[in-house]
């Protein structure tokens, strides 16, 4: 199993639009082969030492896939191409990290 953290920076004030788009996408992604978990999350202001302040313009996707091949198929899926086309003007940057259990 792999874990994926995708931190997506949105245009100022447009995070809600991206969250809404992800909510609409969830059923298709959850039905994909190899999808264990796929959820949009947003920063919480926790006022804890050594933690960054919450960013109101970031959506972080927390994902788990059975294999890297399943993730690759997900990224190439037609519904993901449609999603990227639909939300392209909302996103100003992204960072993708992939992990496995230690």
C-alpha atoms as a PDB file:
ATOM      1  CA  UNK A   1       0.000   0.000   0.000  1.00  0.00           C
ATOM      2  CA  UNK A   2       1.124   3.561  -0.701  1.00  0.00           C
ATOM      3  CA  UNK A   3       0.122   6.848   0.899  1.00  0.00           C
ATOM      4  CA  UNK A   4      -0.210  10.021  -1.152  1.00  0.00           C
ATOM      5  CA  UNK A   5      -0.302  13.584   0.132  1.00  0.00           C
ATOM      6  CA  UNK A   6      -1.120  16.167  -2.517  1.00  0.00           C
ATOM      7  CA  UNK A   7      -0.938  19.773  -1.297  1.00  0.00           C
ATOM      8  CA  UNK A   8      -2.793  21.990  -3.752  1.00  0.00           C
ATOM      9  CA  UNK A   9      -2.529  25.784  -3.609  1.00  0.00           C
ATOM     10  CA  UNK A  10      -5.584  27.585  -4.951  1.00  0.00           C
ATOM     11  CA  UNK A  11      -6.033  31.082  -6.267  1.00  0.00           C
ATOM     12  CA  UNK A  12      -6.821  33.442  -3.389  1.00  0.00           C
ATOM     13  CA  UNK A  13     -10.277  32.886  -1.968  1.00  0.00           C
ATOM     14  CA  UNK A  14     -11.154  29.960  -4.260  1.00  0.00           C
ATOM     15  CA  UNK A  15     -10.467  26.992  -1.993  1.00  0.00           C
ATOM     16  CA  UNK A  16     -14.186  26.322  -1.472  1.00  0.00           C
ATOM     17  CA  UNK A  17     -14.713  25.913  -5.203  1.00  0.00           C
ATOM     18  CA  UNK A  18     -11.972  23.296  -5.376  1.00  0.00           C
ATOM     19  CA  UNK A  19     -13.326  21.449  -2.333  1.00  0.00           C
ATOM     20  CA  UNK A  20     -16.777  21.381  -3.969  1.00  0.00           C
ATOM     21  CA  UNK A  21     -15.278  19.988  -7.182  1.00  0.00           C
ATOM     22  CA  UNK A  22     -13.463  17.268  -5.225  1.00  0.00           C
ATOM     23  CA  UNK A  23     -16.679  16.363  -3.385  1.00  0.00           C
ATOM     24  CA  UNK A  24     -18.375  15.805  -6.758  1.00  0.00           C
ATOM     25  CA  UNK A  25     -15.430  13.682  -7.940  1.00  0.00           C
ATOM     26  CA  UNK A  26     -15.267  11.393  -4.894  1.00  0.00           C
ATOM     27  CA  UNK A  27     -17.733   8.675  -6.049  1.00  0.00           C
ATOM     28  CA  UNK A  28     -15.796   8.101  -9.279  1.00  0.00           C
ATOM     29  CA  UNK A  29     -12.432   7.917  -7.527  1.00  0.00           C
ATOM     30  CA  UNK A  30     -13.712   5.691  -4.717  1.00  0.00           C
ATOM     31  CA  UNK A  31     -14.958   3.260  -7.400  1.00  0.00           C
ATOM     32  CA  UNK A  32     -11.501   2.964  -8.982  1.00  0.00           C
ATOM     33  CA  UNK A  33      -9.551  -0.274  -8.647  1.00  0.00           C
ATOM     34  CA  UNK A  34      -6.975   0.006  -5.885  1.00  0.00           C
ATOM     35  CA  UNK A  35      -8.470   3.035  -4.143  1.00  0.00           C
ATOM     36  CA  UNK A  36      -8.387   2.544  -0.384  1.00  0.00           C
ATOM     37  CA  UNK A  37      -8.948   6.162   0.674  1.00  0.00           C
ATOM     38  CA  UNK A  38      -9.261   9.507  -1.095  1.00  0.00           C
ATOM     39  CA  UNK A  39     -10.296  12.610   0.842  1.00  0.00           C
ATOM     40  CA  UNK A  40      -9.920  16.364   0.524  1.00  0.00           C
ATOM     41  CA  UNK A  41      -8.845  18.104   3.731  1.00  0.00           C
ATOM     42  CA  UNK A  42      -8.247  21.731   4.711  1.00  0.00           C
ATOM     43  CA  UNK A  43      -5.858  23.303   7.198  1.00  0.00           C
ATOM     44  CA  UNK A  44      -6.938  23.855  10.794  1.00  0.00           C
ATOM     45  CA  UNK A  45      -5.540  26.686  12.903  1.00  0.00           C
ATOM     46  CA  UNK A  46      -4.234  24.841  15.961  1.00  0.00           C
ATOM     47  CA  UNK A  47      -1.874  27.390  17.552  1.00  0.00           C
ATOM     48  CA  UNK A  48       0.690  24.685  18.330  1.00  0.00           C
ATOM     49  CA  UNK A  49       4.435  25.173  18.582  1.00  0.00           C
ATOM     50  CA  UNK A  50       6.470  24.040  15.586  1.00  0.00           C
ATOM     51  CA  UNK A  51       3.490  23.883  13.231  1.00  0.00           C
ATOM     52  CA  UNK A  52       2.832  26.172  10.292  1.00  0.00           C
ATOM     53  CA  UNK A  53      -0.146  28.488  10.405  1.00  0.00           C
ATOM     54  CA  UNK A  54      -3.241  27.343   8.534  1.00  0.00           C
ATOM     55  CA  UNK A  55      -3.359  28.399   4.884  1.00  0.00           C
ATOM     56  CA  UNK A  56      -6.872  29.379   3.744  1.00  0.00           C
ATOM     57  CA  UNK A  57      -5.931  28.719   0.112  1.00  0.00           C
ATOM     58  CA  UNK A  58      -4.743  25.110   0.353  1.00  0.00           C
ATOM     59  CA  UNK A  59      -6.527  21.786  -0.129  1.00  0.00           C
ATOM     60  CA  UNK A  60      -4.581  18.706   0.920  1.00  0.00           C
ATOM     61  CA  UNK A  61      -5.640  15.408  -0.599  1.00  0.00           C
ATOM     62  CA  UNK A  62      -4.982  12.415   1.645  1.00  0.00           C
ATOM     63  CA  UNK A  63      -4.967   9.217  -0.386  1.00  0.00           C
ATOM     64  CA  UNK A  64      -4.149   5.537  -0.015  1.00  0.00           C
ATOM     65  CA  UNK A  65      -3.746   3.224  -2.998  1.00  0.00           C
ATOM     66  CA  UNK A  66      -2.935  -0.483  -3.178  1.00  0.00           C
ATOM     67  CA  UNK A  67       0.035   0.113  -5.526  1.00  0.00           C
ATOM     68  CA  UNK A  68       1.837   2.810  -7.495  1.00  0.00           C
ATOM     69  CA  UNK A  69       0.286   1.273 -10.626  1.00  0.00           C
ATOM     70  CA  UNK A  70      -3.173   1.990  -9.213  1.00  0.00           C
ATOM     71  CA  UNK A  71      -2.148   5.594  -8.572  1.00  0.00           C
ATOM     72  CA  UNK A  72      -0.825   5.877 -12.127  1.00  0.00           C
ATOM     73  CA  UNK A  73      -4.107   4.533 -13.510  1.00  0.00           C
ATOM     74  CA  UNK A  74      -5.999   7.028 -11.335  1.00  0.00           C
ATOM     75  CA  UNK A  75      -3.965   9.945 -12.643  1.00  0.00           C
ATOM     76  CA  UNK A  76      -4.619   8.813 -16.238  1.00  0.00           C
ATOM     77  CA  UNK A  77      -8.354   8.169 -15.760  1.00  0.00           C
ATOM     78  CA  UNK A  78     -10.699  10.120 -18.058  1.00  0.00           C
ATOM     79  CA  UNK A  79     -12.605  11.589 -15.104  1.00  0.00           C
ATOM     80  CA  UNK A  80      -9.335  12.991 -13.734  1.00  0.00           C
ATOM     81  CA  UNK A  81      -8.569  14.666 -17.078  1.00  0.00           C
ATOM     82  CA  UNK A  82     -12.044  16.231 -16.994  1.00  0.00           C
ATOM     83  CA  UNK A  83     -11.495  17.299 -13.381  1.00  0.00           C
ATOM     84  CA  UNK A  84      -8.158  18.962 -14.185  1.00  0.00           C
ATOM     85  CA  UNK A  85      -9.737  20.784 -17.133  1.00  0.00           C
ATOM     86  CA  UNK A  86     -12.670  21.941 -15.000  1.00  0.00           C
ATOM     87  CA  UNK A  87     -10.528  23.156 -12.074  1.00  0.00           C
ATOM     88  CA  UNK A  88      -7.387  24.347 -13.859  1.00  0.00           C
ATOM     89  CA  UNK A  89      -8.122  28.031 -13.238  1.00  0.00           C
ATOM     90  CA  UNK A  90      -8.486  27.378  -9.488  1.00  0.00           C
ATOM     91  CA  UNK A  91      -5.030  25.849  -8.973  1.00  0.00           C
ATOM     92  CA  UNK A  92      -1.842  27.909  -8.806  1.00  0.00           C
ATOM     93  CA  UNK A  93       0.511  25.168  -7.600  1.00  0.00           C
ATOM     94  CA  UNK A  94       0.733  21.638  -6.255  1.00  0.00           C
ATOM     95  CA  UNK A  95       3.145  19.306  -4.506  1.00  0.00           C
ATOM     96  CA  UNK A  96       2.704  15.531  -4.596  1.00  0.00           C
ATOM     97  CA  UNK A  97       4.420  13.214  -2.113  1.00  0.00           C
ATOM     98  CA  UNK A  98       4.221   9.412  -2.172  1.00  0.00           C
ATOM     99  CA  UNK A  99       5.074   7.228   0.837  1.00  0.00           C
ATOM    100  CA  UNK A 100       5.052   3.605   1.891  1.00  0.00           C
ATOM    101  CA  UNK A 101       4.872   2.112   5.366  1.00  0.00           C
ATOM    102  CA  UNK A 102       8.233   2.037   7.126  1.00  0.00           C
END
